[in-house]
Amino acid sequence: MKLLATQTDDLPERQAMQKLTPVYEKRRAVAKSIDKFWPVALMNNGGFSFHAQHNIDQIALSYLEDLWIARDPKEPRCYTIEFVRCCIWTSNPY
């Protein structure tokens, strides 16, 4: 049982996550400073833009201010995608 625990502690995914998280946090700060970064970046992705073709989808994306992927520290293959909307003081229909 100890051998198995030692092997899982050395998962390449976990090591990569530990090394890259500070890099991603710096990128996040830069992306937040660029107006409409996430709507433009997502619509420039062919797979995403295929599913967001309608005008209403693009309007909803215009409210997106930040996107972050939070990974489970015990199981790096599990994650949650967090969408942060802008316009806290104004009405957001989405």
N, C-alpha and C. Protein backbone atom coordinates (compact mmCIF):
# COMPACT_ATOMS: atom_id res chain seq x y z
N MET A 1 0.82 -1.19 0.00
CA MET A 1 0.00 0.00 0.00
C MET A 1 0.86 1.26 0.00
N LYS A 2 1.97 1.26 0.71
CA LYS A 2 2.86 2.41 0.73
C LYS A 2 3.47 2.67 -0.65
N LEU A 3 3.79 1.61 -1.35
CA LEU A 3 4.38 1.74 -2.67
C LEU A 3 3.40 2.45 -3.61
N LEU A 4 2.13 2.09 -3.52
CA LEU A 4 1.12 2.71 -4.36
C LEU A 4 0.99 4.20 -4.04
N ALA A 5 1.01 4.56 -2.78
CA ALA A 5 0.91 5.97 -2.39
C ALA A 5 2.11 6.76 -2.90
N THR A 6 3.28 6.18 -2.86
CA THR A 6 4.48 6.85 -3.35
C THR A 6 4.40 7.07 -4.86
N GLN A 7 3.90 6.08 -5.57
CA GLN A 7 3.80 6.20 -7.02
C GLN A 7 2.82 7.29 -7.43
N THR A 8 1.71 7.43 -6.72
CA THR A 8 0.73 8.44 -7.10
C THR A 8 1.21 9.85 -6.76
N ASP A 9 2.10 9.98 -5.77
CA ASP A 9 2.64 11.29 -5.44
C ASP A 9 3.55 11.83 -6.53
N ASP A 10 4.06 10.96 -7.38
CA ASP A 10 4.99 11.37 -8.41
C ASP A 10 4.33 11.45 -9.79
N LEU A 11 3.02 11.60 -9.83
CA LEU A 11 2.35 11.70 -11.12
C LEU A 11 2.87 12.90 -11.91
N PRO A 12 3.18 12.72 -13.17
CA PRO A 12 3.66 13.86 -13.97
C PRO A 12 2.63 14.99 -14.03
N GLU A 13 1.33 14.64 -14.03
CA GLU A 13 0.30 15.67 -14.08
C GLU A 13 0.35 16.56 -12.84
N ARG A 14 0.56 15.94 -11.69
CA ARG A 14 0.62 16.71 -10.43
C ARG A 14 1.86 17.59 -10.40
N GLN A 15 2.96 17.07 -10.87
CA GLN A 15 4.20 17.86 -10.90
C GLN A 15 4.05 19.04 -11.86
N ALA A 16 3.46 18.80 -13.01
CA ALA A 16 3.25 19.87 -13.98
C ALA A 16 2.32 20.93 -13.41
N MET A 17 1.27 20.49 -12.73
CA MET A 17 0.32 21.43 -12.15
C MET A 17 1.02 22.34 -11.13
N GLN A 18 1.86 21.76 -10.30
CA GLN A 18 2.57 22.54 -9.29
C GLN A 18 3.52 23.56 -9.93
N LYS A 19 4.18 23.17 -10.99
CA LYS A 19 5.13 24.06 -11.65
C LYS A 19 4.43 25.15 -12.47
N LEU A 20 3.32 24.82 -13.09
CA LEU A 20 2.68 25.75 -14.01
C LEU A 20 1.66 26.68 -13.37
N THR A 21 1.17 26.37 -12.19
CA THR A 21 0.16 27.23 -11.56
C THR A 21 0.62 28.67 -11.40
N PRO A 22 1.85 28.95 -10.93
CA PRO A 22 2.28 30.35 -10.84
C PRO A 22 2.33 31.03 -12.21
N VAL A 23 2.70 30.30 -13.24
CA VAL A 23 2.74 30.86 -14.60
C VAL A 23 1.33 31.23 -15.05
N TYR A 24 0.38 30.33 -14.81
CA TYR A 24 -1.00 30.58 -15.19
C TYR A 24 -1.60 31.75 -14.41
N GLU A 25 -1.21 31.91 -13.16
CA GLU A 25 -1.71 33.03 -12.36
C GLU A 25 -1.20 34.36 -12.91
N LYS A 26 0.05 34.39 -13.37
CA LYS A 26 0.58 35.62 -13.99
C LYS A 26 -0.14 35.91 -15.29
N ARG A 27 -0.38 34.88 -16.10
CA ARG A 27 -1.11 35.06 -17.35
C ARG A 27 -2.53 35.54 -17.09
N ARG A 28 -3.11 35.04 -16.02
CA ARG A 28 -4.48 35.45 -15.68
C ARG A 28 -4.54 36.95 -15.42
N ALA A 29 -3.56 37.47 -14.70
CA ALA A 29 -3.53 38.90 -14.42
C ALA A 29 -3.39 39.71 -15.71
N VAL A 30 -2.57 39.23 -16.62
CA VAL A 30 -2.39 39.93 -17.91
C VAL A 30 -3.68 39.86 -18.72
N ALA A 31 -4.31 38.70 -18.76
CA ALA A 31 -5.55 38.55 -19.53
C ALA A 31 -6.66 39.44 -18.99
N LYS A 32 -6.71 39.62 -17.66
CA LYS A 32 -7.73 40.49 -17.08
C LYS A 32 -7.54 41.94 -17.50
N SER A 33 -6.33 42.32 -17.77
CA SER A 33 -6.06 43.71 -18.13
C SER A 33 -6.39 44.02 -19.60
N ILE A 34 -6.65 43.00 -20.39
CA ILE A 34 -6.98 43.18 -21.81
C ILE A 34 -8.49 43.14 -21.97
N ASP A 35 -9.05 44.22 -22.50
CA ASP A 35 -10.49 44.33 -22.66
C ASP A 35 -11.02 43.24 -23.59
N LYS A 36 -12.05 42.55 -23.17
CA LYS A 36 -12.74 41.50 -23.94
C LYS A 36 -11.81 40.35 -24.34
N PHE A 37 -10.80 40.07 -23.53
CA PHE A 37 -9.85 39.02 -23.87
C PHE A 37 -10.52 37.66 -24.06
N TRP A 38 -11.30 37.22 -23.05
CA TRP A 38 -11.87 35.88 -23.13
C TRP A 38 -12.91 35.71 -24.22
N PRO A 39 -13.82 36.66 -24.42
CA PRO A 39 -14.75 36.48 -25.54
C PRO A 39 -14.03 36.35 -26.89
N VAL A 40 -13.02 37.16 -27.11
CA VAL A 40 -12.28 37.11 -28.37
C VAL A 40 -11.48 35.82 -28.47
N ALA A 41 -10.80 35.44 -27.40
CA ALA A 41 -10.00 34.21 -27.42
C ALA A 41 -10.87 32.98 -27.67
N LEU A 42 -12.02 32.92 -27.00
CA LEU A 42 -12.90 31.76 -27.18
C LEU A 42 -13.49 31.72 -28.58
N MET A 43 -13.88 32.86 -29.11
CA MET A 43 -14.47 32.87 -30.45
C MET A 43 -13.42 32.61 -31.54
N ASN A 44 -12.16 32.80 -31.23
CA ASN A 44 -11.09 32.47 -32.19
C ASN A 44 -10.72 30.99 -32.15
N ASN A 45 -11.27 30.25 -31.21
CA ASN A 45 -11.05 28.82 -31.14
C ASN A 45 -12.12 28.13 -31.98
N GLY A 46 -11.67 27.38 -32.99
CA GLY A 46 -12.60 26.76 -33.93
C GLY A 46 -13.61 25.84 -33.28
N GLY A 47 -13.19 25.04 -32.33
CA GLY A 47 -14.11 24.13 -31.66
C GLY A 47 -15.15 24.85 -30.84
N PHE A 48 -14.73 25.91 -30.17
CA PHE A 48 -15.68 26.66 -29.35
C PHE A 48 -16.61 27.49 -30.22
N SER A 49 -16.06 28.17 -31.21
CA SER A 49 -16.89 29.07 -32.03
C SER A 49 -17.93 28.29 -32.83
N PHE A 50 -17.67 27.03 -33.12
CA PHE A 50 -18.65 26.20 -33.81
C PHE A 50 -19.93 26.06 -32.98
N HIS A 51 -19.75 25.99 -31.66
CA HIS A 51 -20.89 25.82 -30.76
C HIS A 51 -21.48 27.15 -30.29
N ALA A 52 -20.84 28.25 -30.59
CA ALA A 52 -21.34 29.57 -30.16
C ALA A 52 -21.55 30.46 -31.38
N GLN A 53 -22.27 29.95 -32.36
CA GLN A 53 -22.45 30.67 -33.62
C GLN A 53 -23.52 31.74 -33.55
N HIS A 54 -24.48 31.56 -32.68
CA HIS A 54 -25.61 32.47 -32.65
C HIS A 54 -25.24 33.80 -32.00
N ASN A 55 -25.89 34.84 -32.43
CA ASN A 55 -25.64 36.18 -31.90
C ASN A 55 -25.85 36.23 -30.39
N ILE A 56 -26.86 35.53 -29.90
CA ILE A 56 -27.14 35.54 -28.46
C ILE A 56 -25.98 34.93 -27.66
N ASP A 57 -25.30 33.94 -28.23
CA ASP A 57 -24.13 33.35 -27.58
C ASP A 57 -23.00 34.38 -27.47
N GLN A 58 -22.81 35.13 -28.52
CA GLN A 58 -21.74 36.12 -28.53
C GLN A 58 -22.06 37.28 -27.58
N ILE A 59 -23.33 37.61 -27.47
CA ILE A 59 -23.72 38.66 -26.51
C ILE A 59 -23.47 38.16 -25.08
N ALA A 60 -23.83 36.91 -24.82
CA ALA A 60 -23.58 36.34 -23.48
C ALA A 60 -22.08 36.32 -23.17
N LEU A 61 -21.27 35.99 -24.15
CA LEU A 61 -19.82 35.97 -23.94
C LEU A 61 -19.25 37.35 -23.64
N SER A 62 -19.91 38.39 -24.12
CA SER A 62 -19.41 39.74 -23.88
C SER A 62 -19.41 40.09 -22.39
N TYR A 63 -20.16 39.36 -21.58
CA TYR A 63 -20.18 39.59 -20.14
C TYR A 63 -19.07 38.83 -19.41
N LEU A 64 -18.34 37.99 -20.12
CA LEU A 64 -17.30 37.17 -19.50
C LEU A 64 -16.03 37.99 -19.27
N GLU A 65 -15.60 38.03 -18.03
CA GLU A 65 -14.41 38.81 -17.68
C GLU A 65 -13.20 37.93 -17.41
N ASP A 66 -13.45 36.74 -16.86
CA ASP A 66 -12.34 35.88 -16.48
C ASP A 66 -12.76 34.43 -16.60
N LEU A 67 -11.81 33.60 -16.88
CA LEU A 67 -12.02 32.16 -16.97
C LEU A 67 -10.83 31.51 -16.27
N TRP A 68 -11.11 30.55 -15.40
CA TRP A 68 -10.04 29.92 -14.64
C TRP A 68 -10.34 28.44 -14.52
N ILE A 69 -9.33 27.62 -14.63
CA ILE A 69 -9.49 26.18 -14.46
C ILE A 69 -8.87 25.81 -13.12
N ALA A 70 -9.71 25.36 -12.20
CA ALA A 70 -9.26 24.95 -10.87
C ALA A 70 -9.15 23.43 -10.86
N ARG A 71 -7.95 22.95 -10.63
CA ARG A 71 -7.71 21.50 -10.63
C ARG A 71 -7.75 20.96 -9.22
N ASP A 72 -8.22 19.74 -9.11
CA ASP A 72 -8.26 19.04 -7.83
C ASP A 72 -6.82 18.70 -7.45
N PRO A 73 -6.35 19.09 -6.25
CA PRO A 73 -4.96 18.82 -5.88
C PRO A 73 -4.64 17.33 -5.72
N LYS A 74 -5.65 16.51 -5.42
CA LYS A 74 -5.41 15.08 -5.25
C LYS A 74 -5.51 14.32 -6.56
N GLU A 75 -6.35 14.80 -7.46
CA GLU A 75 -6.54 14.12 -8.75
C GLU A 75 -6.49 15.18 -9.85
N PRO A 76 -5.31 15.42 -10.44
CA PRO A 76 -5.13 16.51 -11.40
C PRO A 76 -5.95 16.37 -12.68
N ARG A 77 -6.49 15.19 -12.93
CA ARG A 77 -7.32 15.02 -14.12
C ARG A 77 -8.73 15.58 -13.91
N CYS A 78 -9.09 15.83 -12.64
CA CYS A 78 -10.40 16.42 -12.32
C CYS A 78 -10.24 17.93 -12.23
N TYR A 79 -11.17 18.65 -12.80
CA TYR A 79 -11.07 20.10 -12.79
C TYR A 79 -12.46 20.74 -12.84
N THR A 80 -12.49 22.01 -12.48
CA THR A 80 -13.69 22.82 -12.56
C THR A 80 -13.35 24.06 -13.38
N ILE A 81 -14.19 24.38 -14.34
CA ILE A 81 -13.99 25.60 -15.12
C ILE A 81 -14.85 26.69 -14.48
N GLU A 82 -14.19 27.75 -14.06
CA GLU A 82 -14.88 28.87 -13.40
C GLU A 82 -15.01 30.02 -14.39
N PHE A 83 -16.23 30.46 -14.61
CA PHE A 83 -16.51 31.61 -15.46
C PHE A 83 -16.87 32.78 -14.55
N VAL A 84 -16.17 33.90 -14.72
CA VAL A 84 -16.42 35.09 -13.91
C VAL A 84 -17.00 36.15 -14.82
N ARG A 85 -18.15 36.65 -14.44
CA ARG A 85 -18.81 37.65 -15.26
C ARG A 85 -18.38 39.05 -14.82
N CYS A 86 -18.52 39.98 -15.71
CA CYS A 86 -18.22 41.37 -15.39
C CYS A 86 -19.51 42.09 -15.05
N CYS A 87 -19.42 43.36 -14.90
CA CYS A 87 -20.60 44.21 -14.72
C CYS A 87 -21.36 43.84 -13.45
N ILE A 88 -20.68 43.83 -12.33
CA ILE A 88 -21.30 43.46 -11.05
C ILE A 88 -22.42 44.44 -10.69
N TRP A 89 -22.24 45.71 -11.01
CA TRP A 89 -23.22 46.71 -10.61
C TRP A 89 -24.34 46.89 -11.61
N THR A 90 -24.19 46.31 -12.78
CA THR A 90 -25.24 46.42 -13.77
C THR A 90 -25.92 45.08 -13.96
N SER A 91 -27.05 45.10 -14.58
CA SER A 91 -27.80 43.87 -14.80
C SER A 91 -27.10 43.00 -15.85
N ASN A 92 -27.00 41.72 -15.54
CA ASN A 92 -26.42 40.76 -16.47
C ASN A 92 -27.49 39.69 -16.71
N PRO A 93 -28.07 39.67 -17.90
CA PRO A 93 -29.14 38.70 -18.17
C PRO A 93 -28.64 37.27 -18.30
N TYR A 94 -27.34 37.05 -18.26
CA TYR A 94 -26.81 35.70 -18.45
C TYR A 94 -26.17 35.22 -17.17
